[in-house]
Amino acid sequence: RMYQLTAASCGLTTVFVCFGVLYDFNQGMALDALPSLVVGLSLPGALYVAASATAHCTRLPSLVSMLDGDEELESEYINLALFLSLSESGFFMWDTRVTLAVLQKFLYFTMAIVGTIGFQLKVLTF
């Protein structure tokens, strides 16, 4: 449960830091916002580690099934590969499997919301 709360707080902190950077840009302190921007861009790295662990766990059954051995060991390898594929191991947050696609969607929606608010407030202009 603690890992779920830590990952959720990391994601929420990313959102709040992005809004803080937007506020700093609105106040005209763009240079002061750079440390917050670096923190906001590096926080999803922790979520990337969890998502890549899930991707590695997904590829593990095929790796186990490739192992060679005698007849007795081969059936054990097949049973292990079947167990690993049916257990759906990986990083979960409240019954949701955290994959790279989920992380990508989270970052996309966060940046879309921050960008939309920034353009509506005329903070971000082209």
Protein backbone atom coordinates (compact mmCIF):
# COMPACT_ATOMS: atom_id res chain seq x y z
CA ARG A 1 0.00 0.00 0.00
CA MET A 2 2.89 2.36 0.74
CA TYR A 3 4.28 2.07 -2.78
CA GLN A 4 0.88 3.02 -4.19
CA LEU A 5 0.66 6.09 -2.00
CA THR A 6 4.22 7.10 -2.83
CA ALA A 7 3.63 6.79 -6.57
CA ALA A 8 0.34 8.66 -6.31
CA SER A 9 1.94 11.48 -4.32
CA CYS A 10 4.75 11.62 -6.89
CA GLY A 11 2.19 12.05 -9.66
CA LEU A 12 0.22 14.65 -7.70
CA THR A 13 3.40 16.55 -6.90
CA THR A 14 4.23 16.59 -10.61
CA VAL A 15 0.85 18.18 -11.37
CA PHE A 16 1.20 20.76 -8.60
CA VAL A 17 4.75 21.66 -9.60
CA CYS A 18 3.59 22.20 -13.19
CA PHE A 19 0.86 24.54 -11.95
CA GLY A 20 3.44 26.32 -9.77
CA VAL A 21 5.69 26.83 -12.79
CA LEU A 22 2.71 28.22 -14.68
CA TYR A 23 2.05 30.65 -11.82
CA ASP A 24 5.70 31.72 -11.77
CA PHE A 25 5.59 32.39 -15.50
CA ASN A 26 2.38 34.39 -14.98
CA GLN A 27 4.08 36.55 -12.33
CA GLY A 28 6.99 37.24 -14.68
CA MET A 29 9.54 35.17 -12.77
CA ALA A 30 10.56 32.81 -15.55
CA LEU A 31 14.12 32.45 -14.29
CA ASP A 32 12.91 31.59 -10.78
CA ALA A 33 10.70 28.87 -12.25
CA LEU A 34 13.60 26.89 -13.73
CA PRO A 35 14.37 24.82 -10.58
CA SER A 36 10.68 23.94 -10.25
CA LEU A 37 10.59 23.03 -13.92
CA VAL A 38 13.56 20.69 -13.49
CA VAL A 39 11.88 19.04 -10.50
CA GLY A 40 8.59 18.77 -12.37
CA LEU A 41 10.26 17.10 -15.33
CA SER A 42 12.35 14.70 -13.23
CA LEU A 43 9.56 13.43 -10.93
CA PRO A 44 7.96 11.21 -13.57
CA GLY A 45 11.28 9.35 -13.69
CA ALA A 46 10.25 7.45 -10.55
CA LEU A 47 7.00 6.45 -12.22
CA TYR A 48 8.98 5.42 -15.30
CA VAL A 49 10.98 2.98 -13.18
CA ALA A 50 7.76 1.37 -11.93
CA ALA A 51 6.30 1.19 -15.44
CA SER A 52 9.47 -0.32 -16.87
CA ALA A 53 9.46 -2.93 -14.08
CA THR A 54 6.00 -3.94 -15.26
CA ALA A 55 7.30 -4.17 -18.84
CA HIS A 56 10.15 -6.41 -17.69
CA CYS A 57 7.73 -8.64 -15.78
CA THR A 58 5.63 -8.96 -18.91
CA ARG A 59 8.61 -10.29 -20.88
CA LEU A 60 9.74 -12.70 -18.15
CA PRO A 61 7.53 -15.71 -19.10
CA SER A 62 8.92 -15.80 -22.63
CA LEU A 63 12.45 -15.71 -21.23
CA VAL A 64 11.73 -18.60 -18.88
CA SER A 65 10.14 -20.67 -21.64
CA MET A 66 13.31 -20.31 -23.75
CA LEU A 67 15.47 -22.09 -21.16
CA ASP A 68 16.72 -25.50 -22.21
CA GLY A 69 16.95 -28.52 -19.99
CA ASP A 70 16.08 -32.16 -19.80
CA GLU A 71 12.49 -33.40 -19.85
CA GLU A 72 12.02 -33.03 -16.11
CA LEU A 73 13.29 -29.45 -15.99
CA GLU A 74 11.48 -28.46 -19.16
CA SER A 75 8.09 -29.19 -17.64
CA GLU A 76 9.08 -27.17 -14.57
CA TYR A 77 10.09 -24.24 -16.82
CA ILE A 78 6.77 -24.43 -18.64
CA ASN A 79 4.86 -24.48 -15.35
CA LEU A 80 6.88 -21.49 -14.12
CA ALA A 81 6.24 -19.57 -17.35
CA LEU A 82 2.53 -20.35 -17.09
CA PHE A 83 2.46 -19.20 -13.46
CA LEU A 84 4.26 -15.95 -14.32
CA SER A 85 1.95 -15.16 -17.21
CA LEU A 86 -1.22 -15.92 -15.21
CA SER A 87 -0.09 -13.99 -12.12
CA GLU A 88 0.26 -10.75 -14.12
CA SER A 89 3.17 -9.55 -12.06
CA GLY A 90 4.17 -5.90 -12.18
CA PHE A 91 3.53 -2.61 -10.43
CA PHE A 92 -0.11 -1.98 -9.56
CA MET A 93 -1.83 1.11 -8.19
CA TRP A 94 -5.27 0.30 -6.81
CA ASP A 95 -5.86 -2.66 -9.16
CA THR A 96 -4.57 -0.75 -12.18
CA ARG A 97 -1.43 -2.08 -13.80
CA VAL A 98 1.06 0.75 -14.31
CA THR A 99 2.53 0.33 -17.76
CA LEU A 100 4.44 2.68 -20.02
CA ALA A 101 1.19 3.44 -21.86
CA VAL A 102 -0.53 4.47 -18.61
CA LEU A 103 2.42 6.71 -17.73
CA GLN A 104 2.38 8.23 -21.20
CA LYS A 105 -1.35 9.00 -20.90
CA PHE A 106 -0.83 10.55 -17.46
CA LEU A 107 1.92 12.83 -18.75
CA TYR A 108 -0.05 13.70 -21.88
CA PHE A 109 -3.17 14.70 -19.96
CA THR A 110 -1.18 16.60 -17.34
CA MET A 111 0.66 18.63 -19.97
CA ALA A 112 -2.57 19.15 -21.95
CA ILE A 113 -4.37 20.55 -18.91
CA VAL A 114 -1.44 22.74 -17.88
CA GLY A 115 -1.00 23.94 -21.46
CA THR A 116 -4.70 24.69 -21.87
CA ILE A 117 -4.81 26.70 -18.65
CA GLY A 118 -1.58 28.46 -19.63
CA PHE A 119 -2.95 29.48 -23.02
CA GLN A 120 -6.29 30.56 -21.53
CA LEU A 121 -4.52 32.80 -19.02
CA LYS A 122 -2.23 34.15 -21.78
CA VAL A 123 0.83 32.90 -19.89
CA LEU A 124 1.96 30.74 -22.78
CA THR A 125 1.86 32.45 -26.16
CA PHE A 126 3.29 31.80 -29.57
